[in-house]
């Protein structure tokens, strides 16, 4: 029996970002680890012991097949980091308070 691994998007889980169905593991996090940080499928499976090889491969396939969406998610993530940094009362990196 062949089981199809689905990638799903629901507004109430991971803010609607694509994820492996039945999990809270996002395609974006799997793809970034593999494609930008060089993690192997085996390392991803070690990081996520509840996943199997087919689920990891489905996430990677989705990541590779939707570059515009992945770029949009990355842009959103960077904008959120900047907004949080702008709102922070913590001193900027490199500030030592000696003035």
C-alpha atoms as a PDB file:
ATOM      1  CA  UNK A   1       0.000   0.000   0.000  1.00  0.00           C
ATOM      2  CA  UNK A   2       1.352   3.409  -0.984  1.00  0.00           C
ATOM      3  CA  UNK A   3       0.570   6.325   1.277  1.00  0.00           C
ATOM      4  CA  UNK A   4       0.607   9.846  -0.085  1.00  0.00           C
ATOM      5  CA  UNK A   5       2.295  12.372   2.172  1.00  0.00           C
ATOM      6  CA  UNK A   6       0.410  15.621   2.094  1.00  0.00           C
ATOM      7  CA  UNK A   7       1.573  19.132   2.685  1.00  0.00           C
ATOM      8  CA  UNK A   8      -1.223  21.216   4.129  1.00  0.00           C
ATOM      9  CA  UNK A   9      -1.927  24.811   5.085  1.00  0.00           C
ATOM     10  CA  UNK A  10      -4.470  25.712   7.746  1.00  0.00           C
ATOM     11  CA  UNK A  11      -4.855  29.207   9.219  1.00  0.00           C
ATOM     12  CA  UNK A  12      -4.829  28.015  12.833  1.00  0.00           C
ATOM     13  CA  UNK A  13      -1.554  26.052  12.610  1.00  0.00           C
ATOM     14  CA  UNK A  14       1.816  27.748  11.974  1.00  0.00           C
ATOM     15  CA  UNK A  15      -0.035  30.884  10.865  1.00  0.00           C
ATOM     16  CA  UNK A  16      -1.155  29.111   7.698  1.00  0.00           C
ATOM     17  CA  UNK A  17       2.335  28.256   6.481  1.00  0.00           C
ATOM     18  CA  UNK A  18       2.754  24.902   4.712  1.00  0.00           C
ATOM     19  CA  UNK A  19       3.468  21.966   6.993  1.00  0.00           C
ATOM     20  CA  UNK A  20       3.554  18.207   6.917  1.00  0.00           C
ATOM     21  CA  UNK A  21      -0.009  17.016   7.452  1.00  0.00           C
ATOM     22  CA  UNK A  22      -0.647  15.699  10.935  1.00  0.00           C
ATOM     23  CA  UNK A  23       2.295  17.605  12.379  1.00  0.00           C
ATOM     24  CA  UNK A  24       3.296  21.120  13.359  1.00  0.00           C
ATOM     25  CA  UNK A  25       6.536  20.790  11.408  1.00  0.00           C
ATOM     26  CA  UNK A  26       6.797  23.420   8.708  1.00  0.00           C
ATOM     27  CA  UNK A  27       8.101  22.893   5.210  1.00  0.00           C
ATOM     28  CA  UNK A  28      10.093  26.105   5.600  1.00  0.00           C
ATOM     29  CA  UNK A  29      12.067  24.834   8.604  1.00  0.00           C
ATOM     30  CA  UNK A  30      12.851  21.508   6.909  1.00  0.00           C
ATOM     31  CA  UNK A  31      13.851  23.226   3.665  1.00  0.00           C
ATOM     32  CA  UNK A  32      16.067  25.831   5.322  1.00  0.00           C
ATOM     33  CA  UNK A  33      17.903  23.157   7.323  1.00  0.00           C
ATOM     34  CA  UNK A  34      18.514  21.068   4.216  1.00  0.00           C
ATOM     35  CA  UNK A  35      18.960  23.573   1.425  1.00  0.00           C
ATOM     36  CA  UNK A  36      20.672  26.461   3.194  1.00  0.00           C
ATOM     37  CA  UNK A  37      22.360  24.787   6.162  1.00  0.00           C
ATOM     38  CA  UNK A  38      23.328  21.559   4.405  1.00  0.00           C
ATOM     39  CA  UNK A  39      21.521  19.075   6.654  1.00  0.00           C
ATOM     40  CA  UNK A  40      21.080  15.594   5.230  1.00  0.00           C
ATOM     41  CA  UNK A  41      17.823  13.655   5.281  1.00  0.00           C
ATOM     42  CA  UNK A  42      19.334  11.489   8.020  1.00  0.00           C
ATOM     43  CA  UNK A  43      20.108  14.566  10.133  1.00  0.00           C
ATOM     44  CA  UNK A  44      16.576  15.868   9.602  1.00  0.00           C
ATOM     45  CA  UNK A  45      15.188  12.515  10.716  1.00  0.00           C
ATOM     46  CA  UNK A  46      17.389  12.685  13.832  1.00  0.00           C
ATOM     47  CA  UNK A  47      16.096  16.219  14.504  1.00  0.00           C
ATOM     48  CA  UNK A  48      12.482  15.124  14.003  1.00  0.00           C
ATOM     49  CA  UNK A  49      12.146  11.522  15.217  1.00  0.00           C
ATOM     50  CA  UNK A  50       8.375  11.556  14.641  1.00  0.00           C
ATOM     51  CA  UNK A  51       8.906  11.954  10.876  1.00  0.00           C
ATOM     52  CA  UNK A  52       9.777   9.289   8.366  1.00  0.00           C
ATOM     53  CA  UNK A  53      11.861   9.569   5.213  1.00  0.00           C
ATOM     54  CA  UNK A  54       8.803  10.018   2.950  1.00  0.00           C
ATOM     55  CA  UNK A  55       7.563  12.955   5.027  1.00  0.00           C
ATOM     56  CA  UNK A  56      10.939  14.699   4.942  1.00  0.00           C
ATOM     57  CA  UNK A  57      11.190  14.125   1.189  1.00  0.00           C
ATOM     58  CA  UNK A  58       7.650  15.483   0.657  1.00  0.00           C
ATOM     59  CA  UNK A  59       8.596  18.644   2.578  1.00  0.00           C
ATOM     60  CA  UNK A  60      11.781  19.059   0.545  1.00  0.00           C
ATOM     61  CA  UNK A  61       9.911  18.502  -2.729  1.00  0.00           C
ATOM     62  CA  UNK A  62       7.336  21.122  -1.752  1.00  0.00           C
ATOM     63  CA  UNK A  63      10.083  23.542  -0.708  1.00  0.00           C
ATOM     64  CA  UNK A  64      11.850  23.096  -4.065  1.00  0.00           C
ATOM     65  CA  UNK A  65       8.643  23.341  -6.115  1.00  0.00           C
ATOM     66  CA  UNK A  66       7.405  26.606  -4.523  1.00  0.00           C
ATOM     67  CA  UNK A  67      10.325  29.064  -4.521  1.00  0.00           C
ATOM     68  CA  UNK A  68       8.068  32.146  -4.657  1.00  0.00           C
ATOM     69  CA  UNK A  69       6.186  31.062  -1.531  1.00  0.00           C
ATOM     70  CA  UNK A  70       9.398  30.213   0.295  1.00  0.00           C
ATOM     71  CA  UNK A  71      10.850  33.615  -0.597  1.00  0.00           C
ATOM     72  CA  UNK A  72       7.661  35.295   0.653  1.00  0.00           C
ATOM     73  CA  UNK A  73       7.836  33.402   3.963  1.00  0.00           C
ATOM     74  CA  UNK A  74      11.513  34.359   4.358  1.00  0.00           C
ATOM     75  CA  UNK A  75      10.665  38.023   3.696  1.00  0.00           C
ATOM     76  CA  UNK A  76       7.871  37.897   6.295  1.00  0.00           C
ATOM     77  CA  UNK A  77      10.211  36.311   8.842  1.00  0.00           C
ATOM     78  CA  UNK A  78      12.881  38.979   8.304  1.00  0.00           C
ATOM     79  CA  UNK A  79      10.291  41.785   8.550  1.00  0.00           C
ATOM     80  CA  UNK A  80       8.998  40.339  11.821  1.00  0.00           C
ATOM     81  CA  UNK A  81      12.534  40.145  13.240  1.00  0.00           C
ATOM     82  CA  UNK A  82      13.147  43.763  12.263  1.00  0.00           C
ATOM     83  CA  UNK A  83       9.854  44.923  13.769  1.00  0.00           C
ATOM     84  CA  UNK A  84      10.628  43.146  17.026  1.00  0.00           C
ATOM     85  CA  UNK A  85      14.134  44.567  17.082  1.00  0.00           C
ATOM     86  CA  UNK A  86      12.813  48.073  16.423  1.00  0.00           C
ATOM     87  CA  UNK A  87      10.393  47.713  19.343  1.00  0.00           C
ATOM     88  CA  UNK A  88      12.991  46.307  21.730  1.00  0.00           C
ATOM     89  CA  UNK A  89      14.340  48.401  24.575  1.00  0.00           C
ATOM     90  CA  UNK A  90      17.545  46.404  24.609  1.00  0.00           C
ATOM     91  CA  UNK A  91      20.662  48.246  23.459  1.00  0.00           C
ATOM     92  CA  UNK A  92      21.750  47.641  19.885  1.00  0.00           C
ATOM     93  CA  UNK A  93      24.402  44.997  19.327  1.00  0.00           C
ATOM     94  CA  UNK A  94      27.844  46.443  19.929  1.00  0.00           C
ATOM     95  CA  UNK A  95      26.582  49.135  22.323  1.00  0.00           C
ATOM     96  CA  UNK A  96      28.637  49.057  25.492  1.00  0.00           C
ATOM     97  CA  UNK A  97      27.057  51.941  27.382  1.00  0.00           C
ATOM     98  CA  UNK A  98      30.326  53.886  27.726  1.00  0.00           C
ATOM     99  CA  UNK A  99      29.483  57.435  26.662  1.00  0.00           C
END
